[in-house]
C-alpha atoms as a PDB file:
ATOM      1  CA  MET A   1     -29.905 -27.210  45.249  1.00  0.00           C
ATOM      2  CA  CYS A   2     -27.058 -30.134  45.264  1.00  0.00           C
ATOM      3  CA  THR A   3     -24.050 -31.641  47.013  1.00  0.00           C
ATOM      4  CA  ALA A   4     -21.296 -33.257  45.327  1.00  0.00           C
ATOM      5  CA  ILE A   5     -18.517 -35.033  47.196  1.00  0.00           C
ATOM      6  CA  SER A   6     -15.188 -36.662  46.469  1.00  0.00           C
ATOM      7  CA  TYR A   7     -14.273 -39.705  48.525  1.00  0.00           C
ATOM      8  CA  LYS A   8     -11.399 -41.873  49.064  1.00  0.00           C
ATOM      9  CA  ASN A   9     -10.924 -44.948  51.054  1.00  0.00           C
ATOM     10  CA  LYS A  10      -9.382 -47.896  49.711  1.00  0.00           C
ATOM     11  CA  ASN A  11     -10.615 -46.824  46.461  1.00  0.00           C
ATOM     12  CA  HIS A  12     -11.877 -43.352  45.058  1.00  0.00           C
ATOM     13  CA  TYR A  13     -15.476 -42.414  44.431  1.00  0.00           C
ATOM     14  CA  PHE A  14     -16.985 -39.230  42.971  1.00  0.00           C
ATOM     15  CA  GLY A  15     -20.813 -38.347  42.970  1.00  0.00           C
ATOM     16  CA  ARG A  16     -23.592 -35.857  43.898  1.00  0.00           C
ATOM     17  CA  ASN A  17     -27.220 -35.444  44.640  1.00  0.00           C
ATOM     18  CA  LEU A  18     -29.002 -33.599  42.287  1.00  0.00           C
ATOM     19  CA  ASP A  19     -31.886 -31.669  44.369  1.00  0.00           C
ATOM     20  CA  LEU A  20     -34.624 -30.076  42.096  1.00  0.00           C
ATOM     21  CA  GLU A  21     -38.569 -29.599  41.862  1.00  0.00           C
ATOM     22  CA  TYR A  22     -38.462 -31.522  38.385  1.00  0.00           C
ATOM     23  CA  SER A  23     -36.591 -33.791  36.390  1.00  0.00           C
ATOM     24  CA  TYR A  24     -35.289 -33.159  33.065  1.00  0.00           C
ATOM     25  CA  LYS A  25     -35.369 -36.991  31.981  1.00  0.00           C
ATOM     26  CA  GLU A  26     -31.786 -37.247  32.210  1.00  0.00           C
ATOM     27  CA  SER A  27     -29.948 -40.773  31.410  1.00  0.00           C
ATOM     28  CA  VAL A  28     -26.683 -42.676  32.491  1.00  0.00           C
ATOM     29  CA  THR A  29     -24.650 -41.534  29.227  1.00  0.00           C
ATOM     30  CA  ILE A  30     -21.290 -42.960  27.997  1.00  0.00           C
ATOM     31  CA  THR A  31     -19.543 -40.854  25.465  1.00  0.00           C
ATOM     32  CA  PRO A  32     -16.950 -43.112  23.712  1.00  0.00           C
ATOM     33  CA  ARG A  33     -13.674 -41.891  22.606  1.00  0.00           C
ATOM     34  CA  GLN A  34     -14.550 -41.203  18.957  1.00  0.00           C
ATOM     35  CA  TYR A  35     -17.494 -38.982  19.684  1.00  0.00           C
ATOM     36  CA  PRO A  36     -17.239 -35.663  17.875  1.00  0.00           C
ATOM     37  CA  PHE A  37     -17.480 -33.092  20.653  1.00  0.00           C
ATOM     38  CA  HIS A  38     -18.284 -29.644  18.883  1.00  0.00           C
ATOM     39  CA  PHE A  39     -17.977 -26.679  20.592  1.00  0.00           C
ATOM     40  CA  LYS A  40     -19.455 -23.207  19.923  1.00  0.00           C
ATOM     41  CA  ARG A  41     -16.345 -20.864  19.755  1.00  0.00           C
ATOM     42  CA  CYS A  42     -13.549 -23.714  19.658  1.00  0.00           C
ATOM     43  CA  LYS A  43     -12.535 -26.341  17.434  1.00  0.00           C
ATOM     44  CA  ALA A  44     -14.160 -29.736  17.956  1.00  0.00           C
ATOM     45  CA  ILE A  45     -12.292 -32.658  19.751  1.00  0.00           C
ATOM     46  CA  ASN A  46     -12.716 -35.873  17.750  1.00  0.00           C
ATOM     47  CA  ASN A  47     -10.663 -38.183  19.740  1.00  0.00           C
ATOM     48  CA  HIS A  48     -10.717 -38.082  23.649  1.00  0.00           C
ATOM     49  CA  TYR A  49     -10.894 -39.877  26.863  1.00  0.00           C
ATOM     50  CA  GLY A  50     -14.031 -41.933  27.379  1.00  0.00           C
ATOM     51  CA  ILE A  51     -16.789 -40.275  29.613  1.00  0.00           C
ATOM     52  CA  ILE A  52     -19.420 -41.755  31.796  1.00  0.00           C
ATOM     53  CA  GLY A  53     -22.147 -39.602  33.913  1.00  0.00           C
ATOM     54  CA  MET A  54     -25.438 -38.080  34.165  1.00  0.00           C
ATOM     55  CA  ALA A  55     -26.617 -36.238  31.185  1.00  0.00           C
ATOM     56  CA  TYR A  56     -29.350 -34.450  29.672  1.00  0.00           C
ATOM     57  CA  VAL A  57     -28.837 -35.571  25.834  1.00  0.00           C
ATOM     58  CA  GLN A  58     -30.337 -32.866  23.643  1.00  0.00           C
ATOM     59  CA  ASP A  59     -29.865 -33.074  19.764  1.00  0.00           C
ATOM     60  CA  ASN A  60     -27.299 -35.924  20.314  1.00  0.00           C
ATOM     61  CA  TYR A  61     -25.338 -33.735  22.697  1.00  0.00           C
ATOM     62  CA  PRO A  62     -24.691 -34.923  26.303  1.00  0.00           C
ATOM     63  CA  LEU A  63     -25.471 -32.100  28.576  1.00  0.00           C
ATOM     64  CA  TYR A  64     -23.742 -33.493  31.482  1.00  0.00           C
ATOM     65  CA  TYR A  65     -24.617 -32.917  35.176  1.00  0.00           C
ATOM     66  CA  ASP A  66     -21.577 -34.959  36.770  1.00  0.00           C
ATOM     67  CA  ALA A  67     -19.166 -37.197  34.910  1.00  0.00           C
ATOM     68  CA  THR A  68     -15.909 -39.170  35.113  1.00  0.00           C
ATOM     69  CA  ASN A  69     -13.545 -39.756  32.404  1.00  0.00           C
ATOM     70  CA  GLU A  70     -11.484 -42.852  31.923  1.00  0.00           C
ATOM     71  CA  ALA A  71      -8.678 -41.496  33.592  1.00  0.00           C
ATOM     72  CA  GLY A  72     -10.501 -41.116  36.560  1.00  0.00           C
ATOM     73  CA  LEU A  73     -10.985 -37.283  36.416  1.00  0.00           C
ATOM     74  CA  SER A  74     -14.437 -36.295  37.803  1.00  0.00           C
ATOM     75  CA  MET A  75     -16.527 -33.242  37.597  1.00  0.00           C
ATOM     76  CA  ALA A  76     -20.193 -31.870  38.511  1.00  0.00           C
ATOM     77  CA  GLY A  77     -21.919 -28.534  37.977  1.00  0.00           C
ATOM     78  CA  LEU A  78     -24.060 -27.189  41.080  1.00  0.00           C
ATOM     79  CA  ASN A  79     -26.514 -24.563  41.382  1.00  0.00           C
ATOM     80  CA  PHE A  80     -24.775 -20.951  41.563  1.00  0.00           C
ATOM     81  CA  PRO A  81     -27.598 -18.445  41.523  1.00  0.00           C
ATOM     82  CA  ASP A  82     -26.994 -14.630  41.807  1.00  0.00           C
ATOM     83  CA  ASN A  83     -23.066 -15.399  42.026  1.00  0.00           C
ATOM     84  CA  ALA A  84     -22.286 -16.822  38.420  1.00  0.00           C
ATOM     85  CA  GLU A  85     -21.306 -14.426  35.849  1.00  0.00           C
ATOM     86  CA  TYR A  86     -20.409 -15.347  32.282  1.00  0.00           C
ATOM     87  CA  PHE A  87     -18.668 -13.068  29.772  1.00  0.00           C
ATOM     88  CA  PRO A  88     -18.322 -11.925  26.049  1.00  0.00           C
ATOM     89  CA  GLU A  89     -15.835 -13.633  23.892  1.00  0.00           C
ATOM     90  CA  ILE A  90     -12.173 -12.853  24.576  1.00  0.00           C
ATOM     91  CA  GLU A  91      -9.489 -12.866  21.794  1.00  0.00           C
ATOM     92  CA  GLY A  92      -6.685 -15.302  22.378  1.00  0.00           C
ATOM     93  CA  LYS A  93      -8.721 -17.290  25.128  1.00  0.00           C
ATOM     94  CA  ASP A  94     -10.290 -20.399  24.989  1.00  0.00           C
ATOM     95  CA  ASN A  95     -13.926 -19.399  24.994  1.00  0.00           C
ATOM     96  CA  ILE A  96     -15.986 -22.250  26.479  1.00  0.00           C
ATOM     97  CA  THR A  97     -19.672 -22.208  27.402  1.00  0.00           C
ATOM     98  CA  PRO A  98     -21.012 -23.317  30.870  1.00  0.00           C
ATOM     99  CA  PHE A  99     -22.629 -26.440  29.278  1.00  0.00           C
ATOM    100  CA  GLU A 100     -19.528 -27.352  27.279  1.00  0.00           C
ATOM    101  CA  PHE A 101     -17.289 -27.117  30.454  1.00  0.00           C
ATOM    102  CA  ILE A 102     -17.479 -30.920  31.569  1.00  0.00           C
ATOM    103  CA  PRO A 103     -16.914 -32.155  28.228  1.00  0.00           C
ATOM    104  CA  TRP A 104     -14.064 -29.465  27.472  1.00  0.00           C
ATOM    105  CA  ILE A 105     -11.999 -30.802  30.791  1.00  0.00           C
ATOM    106  CA  LEU A 106     -12.934 -34.340  30.594  1.00  0.00           C
ATOM    107  CA  SER A 107     -12.142 -34.906  27.244  1.00  0.00           C
ATOM    108  CA  GLN A 108      -8.642 -33.693  27.535  1.00  0.00           C
ATOM    109  CA  CYS A 109      -7.391 -33.955  31.072  1.00  0.00           C
ATOM    110  CA  LYS A 110      -6.382 -36.821  33.207  1.00  0.00           C
ATOM    111  CA  ASN A 111      -5.749 -35.155  36.355  1.00  0.00           C
ATOM    112  CA  ILE A 112      -6.112 -31.649  38.422  1.00  0.00           C
ATOM    113  CA  ASP A 113      -2.694 -30.253  37.099  1.00  0.00           C
ATOM    114  CA  GLU A 114      -3.833 -30.921  33.664  1.00  0.00           C
ATOM    115  CA  ALA A 115      -7.166 -29.196  34.065  1.00  0.00           C
ATOM    116  CA  LYS A 116      -5.646 -26.175  35.974  1.00  0.00           C
ATOM    117  CA  LYS A 117      -3.537 -25.884  32.921  1.00  0.00           C
ATOM    118  CA  LEU A 118      -6.513 -25.265  30.562  1.00  0.00           C
ATOM    119  CA  LEU A 119      -8.371 -23.249  33.124  1.00  0.00           C
ATOM    120  CA  GLU A 120      -5.387 -20.544  32.811  1.00  0.00           C
ATOM    121  CA  LYS A 121      -6.483 -19.640  29.076  1.00  0.00           C
ATOM    122  CA  MET A 122     -10.199 -20.218  29.505  1.00  0.00           C
ATOM    123  CA  ASN A 123     -12.905 -17.917  29.370  1.00  0.00           C
ATOM    124  CA  MET A 124     -16.706 -18.825  30.375  1.00  0.00           C
ATOM    125  CA  VAL A 125     -18.489 -17.316  27.607  1.00  0.00           C
ATOM    126  CA  ASN A 126     -21.916 -16.215  27.746  1.00  0.00           C
ATOM    127  CA  ILE A 127     -23.501 -18.313  24.845  1.00  0.00           C
ATOM    128  CA  SER A 128     -26.752 -20.410  25.522  1.00  0.00           C
ATOM    129  CA  TYR A 129     -27.147 -23.846  24.058  1.00  0.00           C
ATOM    130  CA  SER A 130     -30.218 -22.719  22.333  1.00  0.00           C
ATOM    131  CA  GLU A 131     -33.176 -20.103  22.677  1.00  0.00           C
ATOM    132  CA  GLN A 132     -35.114 -22.850  24.179  1.00  0.00           C
ATOM    133  CA  LEU A 133     -32.112 -23.717  26.750  1.00  0.00           C
ATOM    134  CA  SER A 134     -30.571 -20.815  28.530  1.00  0.00           C
ATOM    135  CA  LEU A 135     -27.508 -21.074  30.519  1.00  0.00           C
ATOM    136  CA  SER A 136     -27.706 -22.287  34.331  1.00  0.00           C
ATOM    137  CA  PRO A 137     -25.925 -20.337  37.032  1.00  0.00           C
ATOM    138  CA  LEU A 138     -23.287 -22.972  38.034  1.00  0.00           C
ATOM    139  CA  HIS A 139     -19.985 -23.469  39.570  1.00  0.00           C
ATOM    140  CA  TRP A 140     -17.920 -26.709  39.468  1.00  0.00           C
ATOM    141  CA  ILE A 141     -15.989 -29.285  41.501  1.00  0.00           C
ATOM    142  CA  ILE A 142     -13.080 -31.025  39.624  1.00  0.00           C
ATOM    143  CA  SER A 143     -11.637 -34.039  41.287  1.00  0.00           C
ATOM    144  CA  ASP A 144      -9.036 -36.664  40.695  1.00  0.00           C
ATOM    145  CA  ARG A 145      -8.065 -39.279  43.243  1.00  0.00           C
ATOM    146  CA  GLU A 146      -5.579 -37.196  45.125  1.00  0.00           C
ATOM    147  CA  LYS A 147      -7.462 -33.729  45.272  1.00  0.00           C
ATOM    148  CA  SER A 148     -10.029 -31.365  44.233  1.00  0.00           C
ATOM    149  CA  ILE A 149     -10.553 -27.812  42.902  1.00  0.00           C
ATOM    150  CA  THR A 150     -13.899 -25.599  42.787  1.00  0.00           C
ATOM    151  CA  VAL A 151     -14.094 -23.312  39.933  1.00  0.00           C
ATOM    152  CA  GLU A 152     -16.455 -20.451  39.937  1.00  0.00           C
ATOM    153  CA  SER A 153     -16.997 -17.816  37.104  1.00  0.00           C
ATOM    154  CA  VAL A 154     -17.911 -14.541  38.966  1.00  0.00           C
ATOM    155  CA  SER A 155     -18.288 -10.648  38.178  1.00  0.00           C
ATOM    156  CA  GLU A 156     -14.361 -10.696  39.116  1.00  0.00           C
ATOM    157  CA  GLY A 157     -13.511 -13.319  36.559  1.00  0.00           C
ATOM    158  CA  LEU A 158     -12.838 -17.023  36.650  1.00  0.00           C
ATOM    159  CA  LYS A 159     -11.596 -18.275  40.092  1.00  0.00           C
ATOM    160  CA  VAL A 160      -9.918 -21.576  40.829  1.00  0.00           C
ATOM    161  CA  TYR A 161      -9.729 -22.632  44.622  1.00  0.00           C
ATOM    162  CA  ASP A 162      -8.008 -25.537  45.635  1.00  0.00           C
ATOM    163  CA  ASN A 163     -10.738 -27.772  47.849  1.00  0.00           C
ATOM    164  CA  PRO A 164      -9.158 -29.633  50.623  1.00  0.00           C
ATOM    165  CA  VAL A 165     -12.546 -31.301  51.804  1.00  0.00           C
ATOM    166  CA  GLY A 166     -13.538 -32.522  48.511  1.00  0.00           C
ATOM    167  CA  VAL A 167     -17.260 -31.205  48.912  1.00  0.00           C
ATOM    168  CA  LEU A 168     -19.512 -28.734  47.143  1.00  0.00           C
ATOM    169  CA  THR A 169     -22.869 -27.412  47.563  1.00  0.00           C
ATOM    170  CA  ASN A 170     -24.378 -23.904  46.336  1.00  0.00           C
ATOM    171  CA  ASN A 171     -24.304 -20.416  47.467  1.00  0.00           C
ATOM    172  CA  PRO A 172     -22.557 -18.684  48.829  1.00  0.00           C
ATOM    173  CA  THR A 173     -19.064 -18.186  47.033  1.00  0.00           C
ATOM    174  CA  PHE A 174     -16.275 -21.137  48.084  1.00  0.00           C
ATOM    175  CA  PRO A 175     -14.186 -19.000  50.296  1.00  0.00           C
ATOM    176  CA  TYR A 176     -17.302 -18.465  52.447  1.00  0.00           C
ATOM    177  CA  HIS A 177     -17.783 -22.280  52.830  1.00  0.00           C
ATOM    178  CA  MET A 178     -14.418 -22.703  53.906  1.00  0.00           C
ATOM    179  CA  MET A 179     -14.169 -19.996  56.485  1.00  0.00           C
ATOM    180  CA  ASN A 180     -17.530 -20.931  58.011  1.00  0.00           C
ATOM    181  CA  LEU A 181     -16.083 -24.471  58.668  1.00  0.00           C
ATOM    182  CA  ASN A 182     -14.200 -22.908  61.602  1.00  0.00           C
ATOM    183  CA  ASN A 183     -17.462 -22.240  63.410  1.00  0.00           C
ATOM    184  CA  TYR A 184     -17.725 -26.038  64.004  1.00  0.00           C
ATOM    185  CA  MET A 185     -14.247 -26.878  64.993  1.00  0.00           C
ATOM    186  CA  SER A 186     -15.457 -28.275  68.296  1.00  0.00           C
ATOM    187  CA  LEU A 187     -17.701 -31.013  67.029  1.00  0.00           C
ATOM    188  CA  SER A 188     -16.437 -34.364  67.262  1.00  0.00           C
ATOM    189  CA  VAL A 189     -17.394 -38.180  67.087  1.00  0.00           C
ATOM    190  CA  ASP A 190     -16.462 -38.511  70.769  1.00  0.00           C
ATOM    191  CA  PRO A 191     -18.491 -37.790  73.938  1.00  0.00           C
ATOM    192  CA  PRO A 192     -17.580 -34.108  74.890  1.00  0.00           C
ATOM    193  CA  GLY A 193     -16.082 -32.910  77.893  1.00  0.00           C
ATOM    194  CA  ASN A 194     -17.361 -30.250  80.181  1.00  0.00           C
ATOM    195  CA  ASN A 195     -15.791 -27.076  79.204  1.00  0.00           C
ATOM    196  CA  PHE A 196     -18.648 -25.357  80.504  1.00  0.00           C
ATOM    197  CA  SER A 197     -17.988 -24.816  84.090  1.00  0.00           C
ATOM    198  CA  GLU A 198     -15.752 -26.595  86.382  1.00  0.00           C
ATOM    199  CA  GLY A 199     -18.269 -25.914  88.923  1.00  0.00           C
ATOM    200  CA  ILE A 200     -21.195 -27.496  87.411  1.00  0.00           C
ATOM    201  CA  SER A 201     -21.411 -31.436  87.261  1.00  0.00           C
ATOM    202  CA  MET A 202     -22.598 -32.410  83.513  1.00  0.00           C
ATOM    203  CA  ASN A 203     -22.976 -35.962  81.923  1.00  0.00           C
ATOM    204  CA  ASN A 204     -23.395 -37.454  78.520  1.00  0.00           C
ATOM    205  CA  TYR A 205     -27.016 -38.356  78.631  1.00  0.00           C
ATOM    206  CA  SER A 206     -26.843 -39.586  75.086  1.00  0.00           C
ATOM    207  CA  ARG A 207     -24.744 -41.013  72.370  1.00  0.00           C
ATOM    208  CA  GLY A 208     -23.606 -38.487  69.523  1.00  0.00           C
ATOM    209  CA  MET A 209     -23.573 -35.546  71.962  1.00  0.00           C
ATOM    210  CA  GLY A 210     -19.872 -34.749  70.496  1.00  0.00           C
ATOM    211  CA  ALA A 211     -21.735 -33.382  67.199  1.00  0.00           C
ATOM    212  CA  LEU A 212     -24.315 -31.171  69.060  1.00  0.00           C
ATOM    213  CA  GLY A 213     -24.571 -27.963  66.995  1.00  0.00           C
ATOM    214  CA  LEU A 214     -23.983 -29.620  63.641  1.00  0.00           C
ATOM    215  CA  PRO A 215     -26.714 -28.127  61.349  1.00  0.00           C
ATOM    216  CA  GLY A 216     -29.539 -30.080  60.306  1.00  0.00           C
ATOM    217  CA  ASP A 217     -31.371 -27.797  57.914  1.00  0.00           C
ATOM    218  CA  TRP A 218     -31.375 -28.028  53.994  1.00  0.00           C
ATOM    219  CA  SER A 219     -29.520 -24.703  53.441  1.00  0.00           C
ATOM    220  CA  SER A 220     -26.200 -25.099  51.285  1.00  0.00           C
ATOM    221  CA  ALA A 221     -24.005 -23.546  54.251  1.00  0.00           C
ATOM    222  CA  SER A 222     -25.412 -26.101  56.238  1.00  0.00           C
ATOM    223  CA  ARG A 223     -25.205 -28.997  53.940  1.00  0.00           C
ATOM    224  CA  PHE A 224     -21.502 -27.966  53.164  1.00  0.00           C
ATOM    225  CA  VAL A 225     -20.712 -28.528  57.010  1.00  0.00           C
ATOM    226  CA  ARG A 226     -22.617 -31.508  57.572  1.00  0.00           C
ATOM    227  CA  ALA A 227     -21.512 -33.478  54.274  1.00  0.00           C
ATOM    228  CA  THR A 228     -17.842 -32.412  55.240  1.00  0.00           C
ATOM    229  CA  PHE A 229     -18.278 -33.636  58.962  1.00  0.00           C
ATOM    230  CA  VAL A 230     -19.862 -37.090  57.640  1.00  0.00           C
ATOM    231  CA  LYS A 231     -17.369 -37.430  55.033  1.00  0.00           C
ATOM    232  CA  GLU A 232     -14.264 -36.594  57.116  1.00  0.00           C
ATOM    233  CA  ASN A 233     -15.236 -38.866  59.810  1.00  0.00           C
ATOM    234  CA  SER A 234     -16.619 -41.815  57.608  1.00  0.00           C
ATOM    235  CA  VAL A 235     -15.590 -45.380  58.279  1.00  0.00           C
ATOM    236  CA  ALA A 236     -16.109 -47.863  55.657  1.00  0.00           C
ATOM    237  CA  GLY A 237     -14.943 -51.290  54.845  1.00  0.00           C
ATOM    238  CA  THR A 238     -12.414 -51.832  51.872  1.00  0.00           C
ATOM    239  CA  SER A 239     -14.848 -54.101  49.474  1.00  0.00           C
ATOM    240  CA  GLU A 240     -16.803 -52.288  46.449  1.00  0.00           C
ATOM    241  CA  GLU A 241     -20.027 -52.876  48.150  1.00  0.00           C
ATOM    242  CA  GLU A 242     -18.960 -51.344  51.489  1.00  0.00           C
ATOM    243  CA  GLU A 243     -17.490 -48.538  49.794  1.00  0.00           C
ATOM    244  CA  VAL A 244     -20.506 -47.572  47.494  1.00  0.00           C
ATOM    245  CA  SER A 245     -22.781 -48.492  50.188  1.00  0.00           C
ATOM    246  CA  GLN A 246     -20.908 -45.611  52.685  1.00  0.00           C
ATOM    247  CA  PHE A 247     -20.636 -43.210  49.856  1.00  0.00           C
ATOM    248  CA  PHE A 248     -24.534 -43.014  49.468  1.00  0.00           C
ATOM    249  CA  HIS A 249     -24.761 -42.985  53.212  1.00  0.00           C
ATOM    250  CA  ILE A 250     -22.869 -39.895  53.134  1.00  0.00           C
ATOM    251  CA  LEU A 251     -25.152 -38.530  50.542  1.00  0.00           C
ATOM    252  CA  ASP A 252     -28.232 -39.567  52.335  1.00  0.00           C
ATOM    253  CA  SER A 253     -26.875 -37.226  55.184  1.00  0.00           C
ATOM    254  CA  VAL A 254     -27.993 -34.252  53.067  1.00  0.00           C
ATOM    255  CA  ALA A 255     -30.718 -35.421  50.985  1.00  0.00           C
ATOM    256  CA  PHE A 256     -34.018 -33.902  50.501  1.00  0.00           C
ATOM    257  CA  PRO A 257     -37.245 -35.748  51.531  1.00  0.00           C
ATOM    258  CA  ARG A 258     -40.366 -34.507  49.878  1.00  0.00           C
ATOM    259  CA  GLY A 259     -42.031 -31.997  51.880  1.00  0.00           C
ATOM    260  CA  VAL A 260     -39.337 -30.097  53.699  1.00  0.00           C
ATOM    261  CA  VAL A 261     -38.386 -27.414  51.055  1.00  0.00           C
ATOM    262  CA  ARG A 262     -41.216 -26.174  49.475  1.00  0.00           C
ATOM    263  CA  MET A 263     -40.979 -24.306  45.706  1.00  0.00           C
ATOM    264  CA  LYS A 264     -44.784 -23.458  45.547  1.00  0.00           C
ATOM    265  CA  PRO A 265     -48.046 -24.861  46.667  1.00  0.00           C
ATOM    266  CA  ASP A 266     -47.644 -28.864  46.065  1.00  0.00           C
ATOM    267  CA  LEU A 267     -44.483 -28.552  44.703  1.00  0.00           C
ATOM    268  CA  TYR A 268     -41.459 -29.501  46.751  1.00  0.00           C
ATOM    269  CA  GLU A 269     -37.573 -29.855  46.159  1.00  0.00           C
ATOM    270  CA  ILE A 270     -36.398 -33.337  46.405  1.00  0.00           C
ATOM    271  CA  THR A 271     -33.066 -35.387  45.705  1.00  0.00           C
ATOM    272  CA  ILE A 272     -34.014 -36.570  42.073  1.00  0.00           C
ATOM    273  CA  TYR A 273     -30.935 -38.847  42.040  1.00  0.00           C
ATOM    274  CA  SER A 274     -27.933 -39.611  43.889  1.00  0.00           C
ATOM    275  CA  SER A 275     -24.583 -40.912  42.059  1.00  0.00           C
ATOM    276  CA  CYS A 276     -21.442 -42.742  42.907  1.00  0.00           C
ATOM    277  CA  CYS A 277     -18.717 -43.404  40.298  1.00  0.00           C
ATOM    278  CA  ASP A 278     -15.816 -45.624  40.979  1.00  0.00           C
ATOM    279  CA  THR A 279     -13.317 -43.792  39.292  1.00  0.00           C
ATOM    280  CA  LYS A 280     -10.699 -46.390  38.650  1.00  0.00           C
ATOM    281  CA  LYS A 281     -13.406 -49.204  37.015  1.00  0.00           C
ATOM    282  CA  GLY A 282     -15.579 -46.295  35.423  1.00  0.00           C
ATOM    283  CA  ILE A 283     -18.705 -48.030  36.952  1.00  0.00           C
ATOM    284  CA  TYR A 284     -21.349 -45.287  37.600  1.00  0.00           C
ATOM    285  CA  TYR A 285     -23.753 -46.354  40.529  1.00  0.00           C
ATOM    286  CA  TYR A 286     -27.023 -44.406  41.140  1.00  0.00           C
ATOM    287  CA  LYS A 287     -30.282 -44.413  42.836  1.00  0.00           C
ATOM    288  CA  THR A 288     -33.634 -42.448  42.472  1.00  0.00           C
ATOM    289  CA  TYR A 289     -36.193 -40.778  44.761  1.00  0.00           C
ATOM    290  CA  ASP A 290     -38.533 -43.618  44.377  1.00  0.00           C
ATOM    291  CA  ASN A 291     -36.082 -46.219  43.605  1.00  0.00           C
ATOM    292  CA  PRO A 292     -33.553 -46.427  46.378  1.00  0.00           C
ATOM    293  CA  HIS A 293     -32.116 -49.933  44.866  1.00  0.00           C
ATOM    294  CA  ILE A 294     -28.417 -48.974  43.825  1.00  0.00           C
ATOM    295  CA  LYS A 295     -28.123 -49.945  39.794  1.00  0.00           C
ATOM    296  CA  ALA A 296     -24.710 -49.527  37.936  1.00  0.00           C
ATOM    297  CA  VAL A 297     -23.710 -49.192  34.314  1.00  0.00           C
ATOM    298  CA  ASP A 298     -20.214 -49.963  33.558  1.00  0.00           C
ATOM    299  CA  MET A 299     -18.268 -48.154  30.743  1.00  0.00           C
ATOM    300  CA  ARG A 300     -15.957 -50.889  30.096  1.00  0.00           C
ATOM    301  CA  LYS A 301     -18.766 -52.758  28.921  1.00  0.00           C
ATOM    302  CA  VAL A 302     -19.185 -51.087  25.828  1.00  0.00           C
ATOM    303  CA  SER A 303     -17.048 -50.172  22.742  1.00  0.00           C
ATOM    304  CA  MET A 304     -15.160 -47.018  23.753  1.00  0.00           C
ATOM    305  CA  GLU A 305     -14.095 -46.867  20.227  1.00  0.00           C
ATOM    306  CA  SER A 306     -17.529 -45.794  19.180  1.00  0.00           C
ATOM    307  CA  SER A 307     -18.633 -42.688  17.711  1.00  0.00           C
ATOM    308  CA  SER A 308     -22.249 -42.521  19.084  1.00  0.00           C
ATOM    309  CA  LEU A 309     -23.552 -41.681  22.642  1.00  0.00           C
ATOM    310  CA  ILE A 310     -24.774 -44.658  24.767  1.00  0.00           C
ATOM    311  CA  SER A 311     -27.822 -43.719  27.093  1.00  0.00           C
ATOM    312  CA  TYR A 312     -29.645 -45.518  29.571  1.00  0.00           C
ATOM    313  CA  PRO A 313     -32.728 -44.564  30.961  1.00  0.00           C
ATOM    314  CA  LEU A 314     -32.911 -44.399  34.684  1.00  0.00           C
ATOM    315  CA  TYR A 315     -34.872 -46.908  36.635  1.00  0.00           C
ATOM    316  CA  LEU A 316     -37.200 -44.663  38.305  1.00  0.00           C
ATOM    317  CA  LYS A 317     -39.590 -46.980  39.921  1.00  0.00           C
ATOM    318  CA  GLU A 318     -38.973 -50.256  41.854  1.00  0.00           C
END
């Protein structure tokens, strides 16, 4: 389970929580402009935007979980079991596998409009990375500094939705999450008035009662509501430090502490890492479950004209 958000204050930030019961030994990975992206059914792209994000690097290929390119376009893939469906090859389409999707878009596009044009001719093809690494059921959020979209490959085909809240979690499909927000339109950051009865005297006996009814569980539907409410009402300073700190506080509101979601005896889902990328500067901030101190990797501190991946192992402990 996961949560991703796009957040604009003075500057724009994009990131996510990766919530799992195990780690793939992911690393912060920079793909320079000359790294050759090879695709299963499309021509290689040898010159492209530089990319930074969290990836599991396998056979020198970055399997990105979330990433941002140097033009400021960002993407994250989130678990979407029972809904995701991938298809056979279709002649005349760009047949892209799910594990290639982030590199395919971020290598070529600088904004949402350009991404939408690529999506018009794309087919999410059912080809695994290898026999050992089968495809994960995913859907994606794509964001530039002004807007976001959600992409879902389902039984009816490839669906592209405008995402006005800049939030994505997991099941059900995205239209449900947007409809479900209507159930919480009465929530407020202000103290509530008495709409219960004119004949009964009622008082606010505690601060924060305007948000009574905000769901507090870890289901994807509840996290979507909670992350949207917190993000939409977020107030932050304008310094980099204040904005990054606020971003992580938003993600903390939907994070998984060990013990609340049990997968099997003695195995629990936790927030493996949380990320926050400054999409203008190309600085990727992250923290891990056992190391809450925020670390940073700056893509502009390395040679972007290289053809070799640059990976930084995570600082998992303090």
